[in-house]
């Protein structure tokens, strides 16, 4: 039973583990994903949350739009296979992914401002059809999205991950050349534990955490500009300090952004409170891959 527990918790990094198991005694497994011939992606940024409902897909969409507005070539890999929302956010929900003649290579959908998108919803006949797959199959699909799509001259690929620390995040960290992670959270009391879980996973997988984005941080009255902390006082600075991280942004509750997401126009606003996140991520241009 003890050996079963070790296998279930295995990160496939034998240097951090003293257990004797099949993984240690066999040759190391290479989980690396490789781009298709002719595809090009310079940087991969994973957008992660420890729990659902914190606006991770919204942050992914707004970050991608911010980078496109600043002249970068941008892509989004929607790794939230069972809950994809990226196509609707950019108004491409009704589109279908095209493939080459022999069906071995997919072409990403292109938003009206030029962002390349691959999402499970773009493969369905109806966007409301459920994807009822086990975790391992979902993880395989994410890897295929990276490997079997003709990503064209991408400067920054944002991977919109499902919440938690399960199969898909593990696959992304093991397979994709992730340069860094943006962790999205909210002001609720559980934030310390949730953020720490995500950060600990990233550390175990040896992927750097770029910083934290706090969504739903406050509501600013449009008339008097008074800030109300609807979900409680922010603890993000304390959490960031405990984990040795930067706070990249504190995003307010903004009904207008929700309207733009629902109407497929998330690429329209240029939000100043994401400037810090943009600067921290683009600083990785200095990193040689």
C-alpha atoms as a PDB file:
ATOM      1  CA  UNK A   1       0.000   0.000   0.000  1.00  0.00           C
ATOM      2  CA  UNK A   2       2.844   2.373   0.842  1.00  0.00           C
ATOM      3  CA  UNK A   3       4.340   1.820  -2.596  1.00  0.00           C
ATOM      4  CA  UNK A   4       0.959   2.589  -4.172  1.00  0.00           C
ATOM      5  CA  UNK A   5       0.888   5.908  -2.325  1.00  0.00           C
ATOM      6  CA  UNK A   6       4.370   6.748  -3.584  1.00  0.00           C
ATOM      7  CA  UNK A   7       3.313   5.996  -7.164  1.00  0.00           C
ATOM      8  CA  UNK A   8       0.206   8.174  -6.807  1.00  0.00           C
ATOM      9  CA  UNK A   9       2.261  11.097  -5.520  1.00  0.00           C
ATOM     10  CA  UNK A  10       5.149  10.643  -7.954  1.00  0.00           C
ATOM     11  CA  UNK A  11       6.429  13.788  -9.692  1.00  0.00           C
ATOM     12  CA  UNK A  12       8.821  11.735 -11.847  1.00  0.00           C
ATOM     13  CA  UNK A  13      11.748  13.641 -10.359  1.00  0.00           C
ATOM     14  CA  UNK A  14      13.829  10.914  -8.711  1.00  0.00           C
ATOM     15  CA  UNK A  15      16.349  13.440  -7.366  1.00  0.00           C
ATOM     16  CA  UNK A  16      13.817  14.557  -4.741  1.00  0.00           C
ATOM     17  CA  UNK A  17      12.653  11.075  -3.741  1.00  0.00           C
ATOM     18  CA  UNK A  18      14.241   8.212  -1.819  1.00  0.00           C
ATOM     19  CA  UNK A  19      11.615   5.567  -2.618  1.00  0.00           C
ATOM     20  CA  UNK A  20      12.519   2.459  -4.544  1.00  0.00           C
ATOM     21  CA  UNK A  21       9.976   1.967  -7.302  1.00  0.00           C
ATOM     22  CA  UNK A  22       9.608   1.029 -10.939  1.00  0.00           C
ATOM     23  CA  UNK A  23      10.168   4.579 -12.077  1.00  0.00           C
ATOM     24  CA  UNK A  24      13.585   4.728 -10.399  1.00  0.00           C
ATOM     25  CA  UNK A  25      14.690   1.371 -11.753  1.00  0.00           C
ATOM     26  CA  UNK A  26      13.698   2.049 -15.339  1.00  0.00           C
ATOM     27  CA  UNK A  27      14.951   4.600 -17.834  1.00  0.00           C
ATOM     28  CA  UNK A  28      13.559   8.132 -17.337  1.00  0.00           C
ATOM     29  CA  UNK A  29      10.393   8.806 -19.306  1.00  0.00           C
ATOM     30  CA  UNK A  30      10.472  11.795 -21.628  1.00  0.00           C
ATOM     31  CA  UNK A  31       7.084  13.534 -21.469  1.00  0.00           C
ATOM     32  CA  UNK A  32       8.216  16.492 -23.596  1.00  0.00           C
ATOM     33  CA  UNK A  33       5.830  17.773 -26.249  1.00  0.00           C
ATOM     34  CA  UNK A  34       7.310  18.914 -29.531  1.00  0.00           C
ATOM     35  CA  UNK A  35       5.906  21.513 -31.893  1.00  0.00           C
ATOM     36  CA  UNK A  36       4.822  20.484 -35.367  1.00  0.00           C
ATOM     37  CA  UNK A  37       7.163  21.209 -38.240  1.00  0.00           C
ATOM     38  CA  UNK A  38       6.773  24.855 -39.212  1.00  0.00           C
ATOM     39  CA  UNK A  39       5.267  25.891 -35.866  1.00  0.00           C
ATOM     40  CA  UNK A  40       6.972  28.451 -33.624  1.00  0.00           C
ATOM     41  CA  UNK A  41       6.333  29.448 -29.990  1.00  0.00           C
ATOM     42  CA  UNK A  42       8.886  31.511 -28.054  1.00  0.00           C
ATOM     43  CA  UNK A  43       7.386  31.664 -24.560  1.00  0.00           C
ATOM     44  CA  UNK A  44       4.726  29.602 -22.793  1.00  0.00           C
ATOM     45  CA  UNK A  45       2.940  31.118 -19.789  1.00  0.00           C
ATOM     46  CA  UNK A  46       0.548  28.980 -17.744  1.00  0.00           C
ATOM     47  CA  UNK A  47      -2.329  30.745 -15.998  1.00  0.00           C
ATOM     48  CA  UNK A  48      -3.302  28.680 -12.969  1.00  0.00           C
ATOM     49  CA  UNK A  49      -5.673  28.786 -10.019  1.00  0.00           C
ATOM     50  CA  UNK A  50      -5.964  26.563  -6.990  1.00  0.00           C
ATOM     51  CA  UNK A  51      -9.760  26.646  -7.144  1.00  0.00           C
ATOM     52  CA  UNK A  52     -12.520  27.424  -9.625  1.00  0.00           C
ATOM     53  CA  UNK A  53     -14.564  30.582  -9.901  1.00  0.00           C
ATOM     54  CA  UNK A  54     -11.771  33.130  -9.445  1.00  0.00           C
ATOM     55  CA  UNK A  55     -11.781  34.440 -13.036  1.00  0.00           C
ATOM     56  CA  UNK A  56      -8.769  32.583 -14.386  1.00  0.00           C
ATOM     57  CA  UNK A  57     -10.095  32.469 -17.966  1.00  0.00           C
ATOM     58  CA  UNK A  58     -10.905  36.164 -17.796  1.00  0.00           C
ATOM     59  CA  UNK A  59      -7.366  36.958 -16.648  1.00  0.00           C
ATOM     60  CA  UNK A  60      -5.955  34.746 -19.424  1.00  0.00           C
ATOM     61  CA  UNK A  61      -8.081  36.537 -22.019  1.00  0.00           C
ATOM     62  CA  UNK A  62      -7.210  40.011 -20.759  1.00  0.00           C
ATOM     63  CA  UNK A  63      -3.494  39.218 -20.560  1.00  0.00           C
ATOM     64  CA  UNK A  64      -3.501  37.868 -24.108  1.00  0.00           C
ATOM     65  CA  UNK A  65      -5.307  40.981 -25.305  1.00  0.00           C
ATOM     66  CA  UNK A  66      -2.880  43.250 -23.435  1.00  0.00           C
ATOM     67  CA  UNK A  67       0.070  41.560 -25.155  1.00  0.00           C
ATOM     68  CA  UNK A  68      -1.577  41.782 -28.579  1.00  0.00           C
ATOM     69  CA  UNK A  69      -2.300  45.473 -28.031  1.00  0.00           C
ATOM     70  CA  UNK A  70       1.413  45.938 -27.334  1.00  0.00           C
ATOM     71  CA  UNK A  71       2.472  44.417 -30.633  1.00  0.00           C
ATOM     72  CA  UNK A  72       3.187  40.846 -29.547  1.00  0.00           C
ATOM     73  CA  UNK A  73       2.075  37.782 -31.501  1.00  0.00           C
ATOM     74  CA  UNK A  74      -0.125  35.872 -29.088  1.00  0.00           C
ATOM     75  CA  UNK A  75      -1.803  32.484 -28.769  1.00  0.00           C
ATOM     76  CA  UNK A  76      -4.107  30.877 -26.208  1.00  0.00           C
ATOM     77  CA  UNK A  77      -4.145  27.138 -25.607  1.00  0.00           C
ATOM     78  CA  UNK A  78      -7.408  26.476 -23.775  1.00  0.00           C
ATOM     79  CA  UNK A  79      -6.462  23.569 -21.520  1.00  0.00           C
ATOM     80  CA  UNK A  80      -9.725  23.721 -19.581  1.00  0.00           C
ATOM     81  CA  UNK A  81     -11.138  20.941 -21.765  1.00  0.00           C
ATOM     82  CA  UNK A  82     -14.390  20.308 -19.893  1.00  0.00           C
ATOM     83  CA  UNK A  83     -15.114  23.985 -19.189  1.00  0.00           C
ATOM     84  CA  UNK A  84     -13.759  25.961 -22.144  1.00  0.00           C
ATOM     85  CA  UNK A  85     -14.750  29.631 -22.201  1.00  0.00           C
ATOM     86  CA  UNK A  86     -12.040  31.250 -24.332  1.00  0.00           C
ATOM     87  CA  UNK A  87     -13.916  30.996 -27.679  1.00  0.00           C
ATOM     88  CA  UNK A  88     -16.958  32.811 -26.288  1.00  0.00           C
ATOM     89  CA  UNK A  89     -14.805  35.515 -24.721  1.00  0.00           C
ATOM     90  CA  UNK A  90     -13.355  36.367 -28.140  1.00  0.00           C
ATOM     91  CA  UNK A  91     -16.511  35.913 -30.190  1.00  0.00           C
ATOM     92  CA  UNK A  92     -15.342  32.813 -32.106  1.00  0.00           C
ATOM     93  CA  UNK A  93     -17.591  30.274 -30.395  1.00  0.00           C
ATOM     94  CA  UNK A  94     -19.326  29.197 -33.592  1.00  0.00           C
ATOM     95  CA  UNK A  95     -16.120  28.593 -35.536  1.00  0.00           C
ATOM     96  CA  UNK A  96     -14.639  25.174 -36.276  1.00  0.00           C
ATOM     97  CA  UNK A  97     -10.976  24.221 -36.387  1.00  0.00           C
ATOM     98  CA  UNK A  98      -9.616  23.421 -39.868  1.00  0.00           C
ATOM     99  CA  UNK A  99      -7.091  20.666 -40.568  1.00  0.00           C
ATOM    100  CA  UNK A 100      -4.645  19.845 -43.322  1.00  0.00           C
ATOM    101  CA  UNK A 101      -5.454  17.385 -46.090  1.00  0.00           C
ATOM    102  CA  UNK A 102      -4.503  14.232 -44.187  1.00  0.00           C
ATOM    103  CA  UNK A 103      -5.934  15.422 -40.865  1.00  0.00           C
ATOM    104  CA  UNK A 104      -2.620  15.305 -39.019  1.00  0.00           C
ATOM    105  CA  UNK A 105      -2.298  19.026 -38.332  1.00  0.00           C
ATOM    106  CA  UNK A 106      -4.826  21.560 -37.029  1.00  0.00           C
ATOM    107  CA  UNK A 107      -4.923  25.286 -37.720  1.00  0.00           C
ATOM    108  CA  UNK A 108      -5.827  27.550 -34.793  1.00  0.00           C
ATOM    109  CA  UNK A 109      -8.824  29.825 -34.935  1.00  0.00           C
ATOM    110  CA  UNK A 110      -7.888  33.504 -35.254  1.00  0.00           C
ATOM    111  CA  UNK A 111      -9.704  36.202 -33.274  1.00  0.00           C
ATOM    112  CA  UNK A 112     -10.516  39.516 -34.908  1.00  0.00           C
ATOM    113  CA  UNK A 113      -7.438  41.109 -33.347  1.00  0.00           C
ATOM    114  CA  UNK A 114      -5.147  38.257 -34.416  1.00  0.00           C
ATOM    115  CA  UNK A 115      -4.878  35.999 -31.354  1.00  0.00           C
ATOM    116  CA  UNK A 116      -4.448  32.320 -32.250  1.00  0.00           C
ATOM    117  CA  UNK A 117      -6.765  30.033 -30.256  1.00  0.00           C
ATOM    118  CA  UNK A 118      -7.057  26.287 -29.816  1.00  0.00           C
ATOM    119  CA  UNK A 119      -9.952  25.062 -27.687  1.00  0.00           C
ATOM    120  CA  UNK A 120     -11.986  21.887 -27.352  1.00  0.00           C
ATOM    121  CA  UNK A 121     -15.157  23.879 -28.025  1.00  0.00           C
ATOM    122  CA  UNK A 122     -13.883  24.613 -31.517  1.00  0.00           C
ATOM    123  CA  UNK A 123     -13.927  20.879 -32.263  1.00  0.00           C
ATOM    124  CA  UNK A 124     -17.567  20.298 -31.269  1.00  0.00           C
ATOM    125  CA  UNK A 125     -20.635  20.432 -33.467  1.00  0.00           C
ATOM    126  CA  UNK A 126     -22.427  22.317 -30.681  1.00  0.00           C
ATOM    127  CA  UNK A 127     -20.658  24.406 -28.069  1.00  0.00           C
ATOM    128  CA  UNK A 128     -23.008  23.104 -25.372  1.00  0.00           C
ATOM    129  CA  UNK A 129     -22.108  19.451 -25.990  1.00  0.00           C
ATOM    130  CA  UNK A 130     -20.402  18.077 -22.869  1.00  0.00           C
ATOM    131  CA  UNK A 131     -16.965  16.496 -23.031  1.00  0.00           C
ATOM    132  CA  UNK A 132     -17.233  13.438 -20.802  1.00  0.00           C
ATOM    133  CA  UNK A 133     -13.674  12.139 -20.640  1.00  0.00           C
ATOM    134  CA  UNK A 134     -11.458  10.732 -17.926  1.00  0.00           C
ATOM    135  CA  UNK A 135      -8.562  12.833 -16.715  1.00  0.00           C
ATOM    136  CA  UNK A 136      -5.869  10.948 -18.592  1.00  0.00           C
ATOM    137  CA  UNK A 137      -7.640  11.451 -21.922  1.00  0.00           C
ATOM    138  CA  UNK A 138      -8.136  15.146 -21.209  1.00  0.00           C
ATOM    139  CA  UNK A 139      -4.438  15.508 -20.427  1.00  0.00           C
ATOM    140  CA  UNK A 140      -3.532  13.751 -23.687  1.00  0.00           C
ATOM    141  CA  UNK A 141      -5.759  16.174 -25.617  1.00  0.00           C
ATOM    142  CA  UNK A 142      -3.943  19.170 -24.120  1.00  0.00           C
ATOM    143  CA  UNK A 143      -0.597  17.783 -25.242  1.00  0.00           C
ATOM    144  CA  UNK A 144      -2.021  17.176 -28.728  1.00  0.00           C
ATOM    145  CA  UNK A 145      -3.262  20.763 -28.909  1.00  0.00           C
ATOM    146  CA  UNK A 146       0.330  21.909 -28.448  1.00  0.00           C
ATOM    147  CA  UNK A 147       1.954  19.355 -30.741  1.00  0.00           C
ATOM    148  CA  UNK A 148      -0.579  19.037 -33.545  1.00  0.00           C
ATOM    149  CA  UNK A 149      -1.463  22.686 -34.135  1.00  0.00           C
ATOM    150  CA  UNK A 150       0.359  24.957 -36.577  1.00  0.00           C
ATOM    151  CA  UNK A 151       1.141  27.787 -34.179  1.00  0.00           C
ATOM    152  CA  UNK A 152       2.500  30.606 -36.316  1.00  0.00           C
ATOM    153  CA  UNK A 153       5.356  32.818 -35.028  1.00  0.00           C
ATOM    154  CA  UNK A 154       3.951  33.063 -31.497  1.00  0.00           C
ATOM    155  CA  UNK A 155       5.813  35.334 -29.087  1.00  0.00           C
ATOM    156  CA  UNK A 156       3.679  34.409 -26.060  1.00  0.00           C
ATOM    157  CA  UNK A 157       1.366  31.452 -25.631  1.00  0.00           C
ATOM    158  CA  UNK A 158      -0.974  31.630 -22.639  1.00  0.00           C
ATOM    159  CA  UNK A 159      -2.251  28.281 -21.361  1.00  0.00           C
ATOM    160  CA  UNK A 160      -5.623  28.603 -19.628  1.00  0.00           C
ATOM    161  CA  UNK A 161      -5.492  25.738 -17.150  1.00  0.00           C
ATOM    162  CA  UNK A 162      -8.358  24.058 -15.289  1.00  0.00           C
ATOM    163  CA  UNK A 163      -8.455  24.713 -11.547  1.00  0.00           C
ATOM    164  CA  UNK A 164      -6.530  22.551  -9.126  1.00  0.00           C
ATOM    165  CA  UNK A 165      -3.387  20.447  -9.300  1.00  0.00           C
ATOM    166  CA  UNK A 166      -4.583  17.367 -11.192  1.00  0.00           C
ATOM    167  CA  UNK A 167      -3.844  15.603 -14.471  1.00  0.00           C
ATOM    168  CA  UNK A 168      -3.873  18.610 -16.798  1.00  0.00           C
ATOM    169  CA  UNK A 169      -1.534  20.875 -14.789  1.00  0.00           C
ATOM    170  CA  UNK A 170       0.795  17.897 -14.331  1.00  0.00           C
ATOM    171  CA  UNK A 171       0.794  17.240 -18.081  1.00  0.00           C
ATOM    172  CA  UNK A 172       1.361  20.908 -18.911  1.00  0.00           C
ATOM    173  CA  UNK A 173       4.294  21.207 -16.501  1.00  0.00           C
ATOM    174  CA  UNK A 174       5.881  17.938 -17.616  1.00  0.00           C
ATOM    175  CA  UNK A 175       5.279  18.277 -21.343  1.00  0.00           C
ATOM    176  CA  UNK A 176       5.166  21.917 -22.393  1.00  0.00           C
ATOM    177  CA  UNK A 177       8.199  24.227 -22.168  1.00  0.00           C
ATOM    178  CA  UNK A 178       6.540  26.466 -19.575  1.00  0.00           C
ATOM    179  CA  UNK A 179       8.599  29.574 -18.831  1.00  0.00           C
ATOM    180  CA  UNK A 180       6.512  30.650 -15.878  1.00  0.00           C
ATOM    181  CA  UNK A 181       3.183  30.572 -14.090  1.00  0.00           C
ATOM    182  CA  UNK A 182       0.725  33.312 -13.200  1.00  0.00           C
ATOM    183  CA  UNK A 183      -1.421  32.257 -10.230  1.00  0.00           C
ATOM    184  CA  UNK A 184      -4.896  33.806 -10.100  1.00  0.00           C
ATOM    185  CA  UNK A 185      -6.669  34.075  -6.775  1.00  0.00           C
ATOM    186  CA  UNK A 186      -9.397  35.996  -4.955  1.00  0.00           C
ATOM    187  CA  UNK A 187      -9.635  37.640  -1.514  1.00  0.00           C
ATOM    188  CA  UNK A 188     -11.475  34.823   0.319  1.00  0.00           C
ATOM    189  CA  UNK A 189     -10.063  33.553   3.606  1.00  0.00           C
ATOM    190  CA  UNK A 190      -8.918  30.257   2.055  1.00  0.00           C
ATOM    191  CA  UNK A 191      -6.555  32.076  -0.302  1.00  0.00           C
ATOM    192  CA  UNK A 192      -3.409  31.282   1.688  1.00  0.00           C
ATOM    193  CA  UNK A 193      -3.885  27.520   1.525  1.00  0.00           C
ATOM    194  CA  UNK A 194      -5.052  27.539  -2.103  1.00  0.00           C
ATOM    195  CA  UNK A 195      -2.217  29.709  -3.396  1.00  0.00           C
ATOM    196  CA  UNK A 196       0.341  27.742  -1.422  1.00  0.00           C
ATOM    197  CA  UNK A 197      -0.858  24.461  -2.960  1.00  0.00           C
ATOM    198  CA  UNK A 198      -0.436  25.871  -6.468  1.00  0.00           C
ATOM    199  CA  UNK A 199       2.960  27.365  -5.658  1.00  0.00           C
ATOM    200  CA  UNK A 200       4.155  24.132  -4.054  1.00  0.00           C
ATOM    201  CA  UNK A 201       3.165  22.175  -7.155  1.00  0.00           C
ATOM    202  CA  UNK A 202       5.048  24.621  -9.356  1.00  0.00           C
ATOM    203  CA  UNK A 203       8.101  24.337  -7.122  1.00  0.00           C
ATOM    204  CA  UNK A 204       8.008  20.538  -7.207  1.00  0.00           C
ATOM    205  CA  UNK A 205       7.798  20.649 -10.996  1.00  0.00           C
ATOM    206  CA  UNK A 206      10.629  23.227 -11.077  1.00  0.00           C
ATOM    207  CA  UNK A 207       8.560  25.817 -12.955  1.00  0.00           C
ATOM    208  CA  UNK A 208       9.004  29.444 -11.792  1.00  0.00           C
ATOM    209  CA  UNK A 209       6.009  31.379 -10.501  1.00  0.00           C
ATOM    210  CA  UNK A 210       6.034  34.840 -12.067  1.00  0.00           C
ATOM    211  CA  UNK A 211       3.589  36.235  -9.534  1.00  0.00           C
ATOM    212  CA  UNK A 212       0.030  36.501  -8.265  1.00  0.00           C
ATOM    213  CA  UNK A 213      -3.005  38.212  -9.749  1.00  0.00           C
ATOM    214  CA  UNK A 214      -5.791  38.934  -7.297  1.00  0.00           C
ATOM    215  CA  UNK A 215      -9.154  39.088  -9.049  1.00  0.00           C
ATOM    216  CA  UNK A 216     -12.371  40.440  -7.487  1.00  0.00           C
ATOM    217  CA  UNK A 217     -10.177  42.469  -5.155  1.00  0.00           C
ATOM    218  CA  UNK A 218     -12.629  45.345  -4.640  1.00  0.00           C
ATOM    219  CA  UNK A 219     -15.521  47.247  -6.192  1.00  0.00           C
ATOM    220  CA  UNK A 220     -15.040  50.924  -6.987  1.00  0.00           C
ATOM    221  CA  UNK A 221     -18.164  53.062  -6.983  1.00  0.00           C
ATOM    222  CA  UNK A 222     -18.402  54.785 -10.394  1.00  0.00           C
ATOM    223  CA  UNK A 223     -19.797  57.946  -8.756  1.00  0.00           C
ATOM    224  CA  UNK A 224     -17.780  58.557  -5.573  1.00  0.00           C
ATOM    225  CA  UNK A 225     -14.869  56.173  -6.425  1.00  0.00           C
ATOM    226  CA  UNK A 226     -14.981  54.677  -2.950  1.00  0.00           C
ATOM    227  CA  UNK A 227     -13.597  51.138  -2.834  1.00  0.00           C
ATOM    228  CA  UNK A 228     -15.676  48.401  -1.185  1.00  0.00           C
ATOM    229  CA  UNK A 229     -14.025  45.089  -0.341  1.00  0.00           C
ATOM    230  CA  UNK A 230     -16.991  42.814  -0.990  1.00  0.00           C
ATOM    231  CA  UNK A 231     -15.130  39.539  -0.433  1.00  0.00           C
ATOM    232  CA  UNK A 232     -13.204  40.832   2.553  1.00  0.00           C
ATOM    233  CA  UNK A 233      -9.968  42.722   3.000  1.00  0.00           C
ATOM    234  CA  UNK A 234      -7.187  41.696   0.660  1.00  0.00           C
ATOM    235  CA  UNK A 235      -4.483  39.398   2.043  1.00  0.00           C
ATOM    236  CA  UNK A 236      -2.619  39.025  -1.225  1.00  0.00           C
ATOM    237  CA  UNK A 237       0.419  41.048  -0.111  1.00  0.00           C
ATOM    238  CA  UNK A 238       0.802  38.850   2.966  1.00  0.00           C
ATOM    239  CA  UNK A 239       0.417  35.654   0.925  1.00  0.00           C
ATOM    240  CA  UNK A 240       2.901  36.891  -1.669  1.00  0.00           C
ATOM    241  CA  UNK A 241       5.448  37.712   1.043  1.00  0.00           C
ATOM    242  CA  UNK A 242       5.034  34.288   2.659  1.00  0.00           C
ATOM    243  CA  UNK A 243       5.767  32.608  -0.670  1.00  0.00           C
ATOM    244  CA  UNK A 244       8.458  35.028  -1.842  1.00  0.00           C
ATOM    245  CA  UNK A 245       6.359  36.183  -4.806  1.00  0.00           C
ATOM    246  CA  UNK A 246       5.321  39.403  -6.510  1.00  0.00           C
ATOM    247  CA  UNK A 247       1.788  40.755  -6.699  1.00  0.00           C
ATOM    248  CA  UNK A 248       1.309  41.429 -10.399  1.00  0.00           C
ATOM    249  CA  UNK A 249      -2.169  42.952 -10.259  1.00  0.00           C
ATOM    250  CA  UNK A 250      -5.182  43.619  -8.082  1.00  0.00           C
ATOM    251  CA  UNK A 251      -8.167  43.512 -10.382  1.00  0.00           C
ATOM    252  CA  UNK A 252     -11.469  45.111  -9.336  1.00  0.00           C
ATOM    253  CA  UNK A 253     -14.960  43.720  -9.759  1.00  0.00           C
ATOM    254  CA  UNK A 254     -15.913  45.340 -13.050  1.00  0.00           C
ATOM    255  CA  UNK A 255     -19.345  44.531 -14.530  1.00  0.00           C
ATOM    256  CA  UNK A 256     -18.235  45.971 -17.869  1.00  0.00           C
ATOM    257  CA  UNK A 257     -15.542  43.312 -18.220  1.00  0.00           C
ATOM    258  CA  UNK A 258     -18.110  40.594 -17.552  1.00  0.00           C
ATOM    259  CA  UNK A 259     -20.330  42.058 -20.272  1.00  0.00           C
ATOM    260  CA  UNK A 260     -17.433  42.107 -22.726  1.00  0.00           C
ATOM    261  CA  UNK A 261     -16.554  38.481 -21.883  1.00  0.00           C
ATOM    262  CA  UNK A 262     -20.132  37.343 -22.444  1.00  0.00           C
ATOM    263  CA  UNK A 263     -20.472  39.271 -25.709  1.00  0.00           C
ATOM    264  CA  UNK A 264     -17.190  38.117 -27.263  1.00  0.00           C
ATOM    265  CA  UNK A 265     -15.417  41.477 -26.968  1.00  0.00           C
ATOM    266  CA  UNK A 266     -12.849  40.807 -24.255  1.00  0.00           C
ATOM    267  CA  UNK A 267     -10.091  42.068 -26.547  1.00  0.00           C
ATOM    268  CA  UNK A 268     -11.407  45.655 -26.521  1.00  0.00           C
ATOM    269  CA  UNK A 269     -10.285  47.123 -23.158  1.00  0.00           C
ATOM    270  CA  UNK A 270      -6.692  48.103 -22.395  1.00  0.00           C
ATOM    271  CA  UNK A 271      -6.567  47.759 -18.639  1.00  0.00           C
ATOM    272  CA  UNK A 272      -3.876  49.691 -16.727  1.00  0.00           C
ATOM    273  CA  UNK A 273      -4.031  47.382 -13.706  1.00  0.00           C
ATOM    274  CA  UNK A 274      -2.463  44.617 -15.810  1.00  0.00           C
ATOM    275  CA  UNK A 275       0.599  46.718 -16.644  1.00  0.00           C
ATOM    276  CA  UNK A 276       2.611  45.121 -13.833  1.00  0.00           C
ATOM    277  CA  UNK A 277       1.810  41.637 -15.086  1.00  0.00           C
ATOM    278  CA  UNK A 278       2.795  42.631 -18.614  1.00  0.00           C
ATOM    279  CA  UNK A 279       6.130  44.019 -17.450  1.00  0.00           C
ATOM    280  CA  UNK A 280       6.946  40.956 -15.326  1.00  0.00           C
ATOM    281  CA  UNK A 281       6.161  38.516 -18.131  1.00  0.00           C
ATOM    282  CA  UNK A 282       7.963  40.423 -20.884  1.00  0.00           C
ATOM    283  CA  UNK A 283      11.036  40.571 -18.653  1.00  0.00           C
ATOM    284  CA  UNK A 284      11.458  36.914 -19.611  1.00  0.00           C
ATOM    285  CA  UNK A 285      12.515  37.988 -23.098  1.00  0.00           C
ATOM    286  CA  UNK A 286      15.968  38.008 -21.522  1.00  0.00           C
ATOM    287  CA  UNK A 287      15.710  34.284 -20.806  1.00  0.00           C
ATOM    288  CA  UNK A 288      17.344  32.161 -23.476  1.00  0.00           C
ATOM    289  CA  UNK A 289      15.470  28.955 -24.082  1.00  0.00           C
END
